[in-house]
Amino acid sequence: MTWLLTMAWAQQVDVRVPFPTRRMYDGVADTVCVQFERDLGTPDVAVEDGAFTVSCRPAGTGTQACVRLDDGSTWPDRVPAIRCEGARGTLVVRPVQAFDPFDDIEDGVRVVRAVDSVQAVYRTSRPDTVGSLPGGACGIRGGGFWFRTRSRARHQACTLVWEDGTVLDVPILLVRSLAPDAEL
């Protein structure tokens, strides 16, 4: 998963990004990357931090920060921050467990709103398509329903339309917590 973030820039930027509560695919290392549209002047670096590998690298005209979990036997309660220091600034990315990638898209999906960029990916067996989401973007690609939105509205919906005319409205709820009894 790669998130693209655009934001005002200071000497140090500290952002909270969504991270899944559990592994998306069995037997595959999970990597979550965040790409920023500003070149920090960082070298291509990767450092092991316990069960994780964190990395920073130049990416086009920006900087990409990634955290990778190789060990499929466990899933962490917390994910380490990624710190990218470059000649032109510092980026601190704090992954927040914000969504369950196994939420059923037909019943609606939830994401914790305590992140700076509201976006997530959920597993689905439905075919690829592009959707529409006011104030954002959504769709299905390669077995994953994805969305990103700038809106902070607690109730949103992605409308998916396939070539055969089938339509599915996927409710998107921004919540305080993923606990079953949590308030919106």
C-alpha atoms as a PDB file:
ATOM      1  CA  MET A   1       0.000   0.000   0.000  1.00  0.00           C
ATOM      2  CA  THR A   2       1.320   3.457  -0.801  1.00  0.00           C
ATOM      3  CA  TRP A   3      -0.376   6.623   0.420  1.00  0.00           C
ATOM      4  CA  LEU A   4       0.331   9.958  -1.292  1.00  0.00           C
ATOM      5  CA  LEU A   5       0.294  12.964   1.028  1.00  0.00           C
ATOM      6  CA  THR A   6       0.374  16.624   0.072  1.00  0.00           C
ATOM      7  CA  MET A   7       0.725  19.134   2.882  1.00  0.00           C
ATOM      8  CA  ALA A   8       2.324  22.382   3.946  1.00  0.00           C
ATOM      9  CA  TRP A   9       5.979  21.940   4.666  1.00  0.00           C
ATOM     10  CA  ALA A  10       8.048  22.983   7.661  1.00  0.00           C
ATOM     11  CA  GLN A  11      11.554  22.014   8.795  1.00  0.00           C
ATOM     12  CA  GLN A  12      10.033  18.972  10.552  1.00  0.00           C
ATOM     13  CA  VAL A  13       6.729  17.367   9.644  1.00  0.00           C
ATOM     14  CA  ASP A  14       5.062  14.847  11.960  1.00  0.00           C
ATOM     15  CA  VAL A  15       2.135  12.889  10.440  1.00  0.00           C
ATOM     16  CA  ARG A  16      -0.148  10.048  11.534  1.00  0.00           C
ATOM     17  CA  VAL A  17      -0.988   7.558   8.774  1.00  0.00           C
ATOM     18  CA  PRO A  18      -3.426   4.617   8.722  1.00  0.00           C
ATOM     19  CA  PHE A  19      -2.039   1.086   9.188  1.00  0.00           C
ATOM     20  CA  PRO A  20      -4.108  -2.139   9.077  1.00  0.00           C
ATOM     21  CA  THR A  21      -5.071  -3.960  12.291  1.00  0.00           C
ATOM     22  CA  ARG A  22      -4.078  -7.286  10.745  1.00  0.00           C
ATOM     23  CA  ARG A  23      -2.252  -8.792   7.794  1.00  0.00           C
ATOM     24  CA  MET A  24      -3.976  -8.352   4.419  1.00  0.00           C
ATOM     25  CA  TYR A  25      -2.621 -11.469   2.708  1.00  0.00           C
ATOM     26  CA  ASP A  26      -1.200 -14.673   4.202  1.00  0.00           C
ATOM     27  CA  GLY A  27       2.403 -15.477   3.354  1.00  0.00           C
ATOM     28  CA  VAL A  28       3.176 -12.019   2.001  1.00  0.00           C
ATOM     29  CA  ALA A  29       5.290  -9.432   3.806  1.00  0.00           C
ATOM     30  CA  ASP A  30       3.200  -6.368   4.594  1.00  0.00           C
ATOM     31  CA  THR A  31       4.597  -3.008   3.570  1.00  0.00           C
ATOM     32  CA  VAL A  32       2.915   0.345   4.052  1.00  0.00           C
ATOM     33  CA  CYS A  33       4.502   3.323   2.310  1.00  0.00           C
ATOM     34  CA  VAL A  34       3.765   7.027   2.441  1.00  0.00           C
ATOM     35  CA  GLN A  35       4.937   9.261  -0.373  1.00  0.00           C
ATOM     36  CA  PHE A  36       5.374  12.987   0.207  1.00  0.00           C
ATOM     37  CA  GLU A  37       5.500  15.494  -2.613  1.00  0.00           C
ATOM     38  CA  ARG A  38       8.674  17.114  -1.339  1.00  0.00           C
ATOM     39  CA  ASP A  39      12.274  16.014  -1.669  1.00  0.00           C
ATOM     40  CA  LEU A  40      13.895  15.946   1.773  1.00  0.00           C
ATOM     41  CA  GLY A  41      17.306  15.221   0.351  1.00  0.00           C
ATOM     42  CA  THR A  42      17.434  11.835   2.096  1.00  0.00           C
ATOM     43  CA  PRO A  43      19.669   9.041   0.920  1.00  0.00           C
ATOM     44  CA  ASP A  44      18.132   5.606   0.214  1.00  0.00           C
ATOM     45  CA  VAL A  45      18.272   4.037   3.720  1.00  0.00           C
ATOM     46  CA  ALA A  46      16.713   0.985   5.391  1.00  0.00           C
ATOM     47  CA  VAL A  47      17.080   0.110   9.078  1.00  0.00           C
ATOM     48  CA  GLU A  48      15.806  -2.901  11.022  1.00  0.00           C
ATOM     49  CA  ASP A  49      13.795  -2.046  14.122  1.00  0.00           C
ATOM     50  CA  GLY A  50      12.807  -5.289  15.864  1.00  0.00           C
ATOM     51  CA  ALA A  51      10.418  -7.195  13.578  1.00  0.00           C
ATOM     52  CA  PHE A  52      10.223  -4.224  11.199  1.00  0.00           C
ATOM     53  CA  THR A  53      12.314  -2.712   8.459  1.00  0.00           C
ATOM     54  CA  VAL A  54      11.839   1.039   8.110  1.00  0.00           C
ATOM     55  CA  SER A  55      13.121   2.857   5.061  1.00  0.00           C
ATOM     56  CA  CYS A  56      13.305   6.265   3.421  1.00  0.00           C
ATOM     57  CA  ARG A  57      14.224   6.965  -0.172  1.00  0.00           C
ATOM     58  CA  PRO A  58      13.922   9.595  -2.872  1.00  0.00           C
ATOM     59  CA  ALA A  59      10.889   8.958  -5.101  1.00  0.00           C
ATOM     60  CA  GLY A  60      10.546  11.136  -8.183  1.00  0.00           C
ATOM     61  CA  THR A  61      10.348  14.704  -6.918  1.00  0.00           C
ATOM     62  CA  GLY A  62       9.383  13.562  -3.419  1.00  0.00           C
ATOM     63  CA  THR A  63      10.319  11.260  -0.556  1.00  0.00           C
ATOM     64  CA  GLN A  64       8.930   7.813   0.259  1.00  0.00           C
ATOM     65  CA  ALA A  65       8.871   6.385   3.803  1.00  0.00           C
ATOM     66  CA  CYS A  66       7.995   2.696   4.337  1.00  0.00           C
ATOM     67  CA  VAL A  67       7.547   0.217   7.170  1.00  0.00           C
ATOM     68  CA  ARG A  68       7.720  -3.504   6.358  1.00  0.00           C
ATOM     69  CA  LEU A  69       6.713  -6.423   8.589  1.00  0.00           C
ATOM     70  CA  ASP A  70       8.267  -9.668   7.338  1.00  0.00           C
ATOM     71  CA  ASP A  71       7.234 -12.052  10.119  1.00  0.00           C
ATOM     72  CA  GLY A  72       3.801 -13.430   9.296  1.00  0.00           C
ATOM     73  CA  SER A  73       3.397 -15.316  12.573  1.00  0.00           C
ATOM     74  CA  THR A  74       2.445 -12.254  14.617  1.00  0.00           C
ATOM     75  CA  TRP A  75       0.841  -8.892  14.081  1.00  0.00           C
ATOM     76  CA  PRO A  76       2.005  -5.946  16.173  1.00  0.00           C
ATOM     77  CA  ASP A  77      -0.078  -3.902  18.578  1.00  0.00           C
ATOM     78  CA  ARG A  78       2.104  -0.909  17.730  1.00  0.00           C
ATOM     79  CA  VAL A  79       4.184   0.014  14.729  1.00  0.00           C
ATOM     80  CA  PRO A  80       7.377   2.058  15.075  1.00  0.00           C
ATOM     81  CA  ALA A  81       7.585   5.609  13.782  1.00  0.00           C
ATOM     82  CA  ILE A  82       9.551   6.159  10.601  1.00  0.00           C
ATOM     83  CA  ARG A  83      12.004   9.029  10.805  1.00  0.00           C
ATOM     84  CA  CYS A  84      13.497  10.354   7.565  1.00  0.00           C
ATOM     85  CA  GLU A  85      16.191  12.968   8.004  1.00  0.00           C
ATOM     86  CA  GLY A  86      17.507  14.777   4.992  1.00  0.00           C
ATOM     87  CA  ALA A  87      19.473  17.859   4.060  1.00  0.00           C
ATOM     88  CA  ARG A  88      16.247  19.849   3.550  1.00  0.00           C
ATOM     89  CA  GLY A  89      14.087  18.663   6.452  1.00  0.00           C
ATOM     90  CA  THR A  90      12.849  15.833   8.644  1.00  0.00           C
ATOM     91  CA  LEU A  91       9.762  13.693   8.239  1.00  0.00           C
ATOM     92  CA  VAL A  92       8.332  11.623  11.110  1.00  0.00           C
ATOM     93  CA  VAL A  93       5.624   9.154  10.055  1.00  0.00           C
ATOM     94  CA  ARG A  94       3.607   7.542  12.863  1.00  0.00           C
ATOM     95  CA  PRO A  95       1.535   4.535  11.705  1.00  0.00           C
ATOM     96  CA  VAL A  96      -1.798   4.272  13.564  1.00  0.00           C
ATOM     97  CA  GLN A  97      -3.791   1.029  13.497  1.00  0.00           C
ATOM     98  CA  ALA A  98      -6.835   2.544  11.884  1.00  0.00           C
ATOM     99  CA  PHE A  99      -8.729  -0.046   9.820  1.00  0.00           C
ATOM    100  CA  ASP A 100      -9.505  -3.755   9.572  1.00  0.00           C
ATOM    101  CA  PRO A 101      -8.742  -4.857   5.990  1.00  0.00           C
ATOM    102  CA  PHE A 102     -11.336  -7.640   6.333  1.00  0.00           C
ATOM    103  CA  ASP A 103     -14.357  -5.359   6.841  1.00  0.00           C
ATOM    104  CA  ASP A 104     -16.987  -6.492   4.319  1.00  0.00           C
ATOM    105  CA  ILE A 105     -17.382  -3.681   1.797  1.00  0.00           C
ATOM    106  CA  GLU A 106     -21.046  -4.575   1.241  1.00  0.00           C
ATOM    107  CA  ASP A 107     -21.748  -3.888   4.928  1.00  0.00           C
ATOM    108  CA  GLY A 108     -19.578  -0.766   4.947  1.00  0.00           C
ATOM    109  CA  VAL A 109     -16.047  -0.036   6.082  1.00  0.00           C
ATOM    110  CA  ARG A 110     -14.679   1.841   9.078  1.00  0.00           C
ATOM    111  CA  VAL A 111     -11.499   3.830   9.555  1.00  0.00           C
ATOM    112  CA  VAL A 112     -10.292   5.604  12.680  1.00  0.00           C
ATOM    113  CA  ARG A 113     -10.360   9.343  12.072  1.00  0.00           C
ATOM    114  CA  ALA A 114      -7.301  10.089  14.280  1.00  0.00           C
ATOM    115  CA  VAL A 115      -5.027  10.155  11.220  1.00  0.00           C
ATOM    116  CA  ASP A 116      -3.807  13.003   9.048  1.00  0.00           C
ATOM    117  CA  SER A 117      -4.737  11.256   5.812  1.00  0.00           C
ATOM    118  CA  VAL A 118      -7.978   9.237   5.700  1.00  0.00           C
ATOM    119  CA  GLN A 119      -7.368   6.281   3.392  1.00  0.00           C
ATOM    120  CA  ALA A 120      -7.443   2.504   3.573  1.00  0.00           C
ATOM    121  CA  VAL A 121      -7.473  -0.769   1.601  1.00  0.00           C
ATOM    122  CA  TYR A 122      -9.897  -3.662   2.227  1.00  0.00           C
ATOM    123  CA  ARG A 123      -9.885  -7.175   0.766  1.00  0.00           C
ATOM    124  CA  THR A 124     -12.599  -8.068  -1.726  1.00  0.00           C
ATOM    125  CA  SER A 125     -13.236 -10.678  -4.393  1.00  0.00           C
ATOM    126  CA  ARG A 126     -15.153  -8.249  -6.604  1.00  0.00           C
ATOM    127  CA  PRO A 127     -13.705  -7.314 -10.025  1.00  0.00           C
ATOM    128  CA  ASP A 128     -11.697  -4.139 -10.628  1.00  0.00           C
ATOM    129  CA  THR A 129     -13.573  -0.888 -11.214  1.00  0.00           C
ATOM    130  CA  VAL A 130     -13.251   2.825 -10.563  1.00  0.00           C
ATOM    131  CA  GLY A 131     -15.708   4.425  -8.161  1.00  0.00           C
ATOM    132  CA  SER A 132     -16.789   7.911  -7.218  1.00  0.00           C
ATOM    133  CA  LEU A 133     -16.445   9.495  -3.785  1.00  0.00           C
ATOM    134  CA  PRO A 134     -17.253  13.198  -3.276  1.00  0.00           C
ATOM    135  CA  GLY A 135     -14.096  14.920  -2.014  1.00  0.00           C
ATOM    136  CA  GLY A 136     -11.951  11.861  -2.685  1.00  0.00           C
ATOM    137  CA  ALA A 137     -11.324   8.804  -4.828  1.00  0.00           C
ATOM    138  CA  CYS A 138     -12.134   5.097  -4.563  1.00  0.00           C
ATOM    139  CA  GLY A 139     -12.221   1.863  -6.506  1.00  0.00           C
ATOM    140  CA  ILE A 140     -11.260  -1.789  -6.617  1.00  0.00           C
ATOM    141  CA  ARG A 141      -7.897  -2.908  -7.939  1.00  0.00           C
ATOM    142  CA  GLY A 142      -6.154  -6.266  -7.644  1.00  0.00           C
ATOM    143  CA  GLY A 143      -8.431  -7.703  -4.955  1.00  0.00           C
ATOM    144  CA  GLY A 144      -8.498  -4.576  -2.816  1.00  0.00           C
ATOM    145  CA  PHE A 145     -11.176  -1.918  -2.319  1.00  0.00           C
ATOM    146  CA  TRP A 146      -9.308   1.345  -1.688  1.00  0.00           C
ATOM    147  CA  PHE A 147     -10.333   4.872  -0.908  1.00  0.00           C
ATOM    148  CA  ARG A 148      -8.850   8.186   0.135  1.00  0.00           C
ATOM    149  CA  THR A 149     -10.739  11.307   1.085  1.00  0.00           C
ATOM    150  CA  ARG A 150     -10.003  14.836   2.204  1.00  0.00           C
ATOM    151  CA  SER A 151     -13.444  15.096   3.759  1.00  0.00           C
ATOM    152  CA  ARG A 152     -13.802  14.686   7.517  1.00  0.00           C
ATOM    153  CA  ALA A 153     -17.532  13.869   7.242  1.00  0.00           C
ATOM    154  CA  ARG A 154     -18.262  10.868   9.462  1.00  0.00           C
ATOM    155  CA  HIS A 155     -20.636   9.240   6.940  1.00  0.00           C
ATOM    156  CA  GLN A 156     -19.519   8.966   3.323  1.00  0.00           C
ATOM    157  CA  ALA A 157     -20.111   6.548   0.452  1.00  0.00           C
ATOM    158  CA  CYS A 158     -18.146   5.286  -2.517  1.00  0.00           C
ATOM    159  CA  THR A 159     -20.311   4.401  -5.514  1.00  0.00           C
ATOM    160  CA  LEU A 160     -18.857   1.542  -7.549  1.00  0.00           C
ATOM    161  CA  VAL A 161     -20.230   0.835 -11.042  1.00  0.00           C
ATOM    162  CA  TRP A 162     -19.228  -2.123 -13.204  1.00  0.00           C
ATOM    163  CA  GLU A 163     -19.478  -2.486 -16.993  1.00  0.00           C
ATOM    164  CA  ASP A 164     -22.548  -4.750 -16.678  1.00  0.00           C
ATOM    165  CA  GLY A 165     -24.411  -1.936 -14.882  1.00  0.00           C
ATOM    166  CA  THR A 166     -24.109  -3.386 -11.363  1.00  0.00           C
ATOM    167  CA  VAL A 167     -23.908  -0.611  -8.748  1.00  0.00           C
ATOM    168  CA  LEU A 168     -22.699  -0.889  -5.152  1.00  0.00           C
ATOM    169  CA  ASP A 169     -22.667   1.960  -2.642  1.00  0.00           C
ATOM    170  CA  VAL A 170     -19.993   1.256  -0.020  1.00  0.00           C
ATOM    171  CA  PRO A 171     -20.654   3.147   3.238  1.00  0.00           C
ATOM    172  CA  ILE A 172     -17.487   4.650   4.750  1.00  0.00           C
ATOM    173  CA  LEU A 173     -17.632   5.535   8.437  1.00  0.00           C
ATOM    174  CA  LEU A 174     -14.992   7.638  10.173  1.00  0.00           C
ATOM    175  CA  VAL A 175     -14.964   6.452  13.794  1.00  0.00           C
ATOM    176  CA  ARG A 176     -13.143   7.206  17.059  1.00  0.00           C
ATOM    177  CA  SER A 177     -12.287   3.547  17.626  1.00  0.00           C
ATOM    178  CA  LEU A 178     -12.698   0.205  15.875  1.00  0.00           C
ATOM    179  CA  ALA A 179     -14.272  -1.344  18.995  1.00  0.00           C
ATOM    180  CA  PRO A 180     -17.740  -2.761  18.128  1.00  0.00           C
ATOM    181  CA  ASP A 181     -19.508  -0.456  20.602  1.00  0.00           C
ATOM    182  CA  ALA A 182     -17.467   2.672  19.814  1.00  0.00           C
ATOM    183  CA  GLU A 183     -19.216   5.941  19.026  1.00  0.00           C
ATOM    184  CA  LEU A 184     -18.811   7.663  15.687  1.00  0.00           C
END
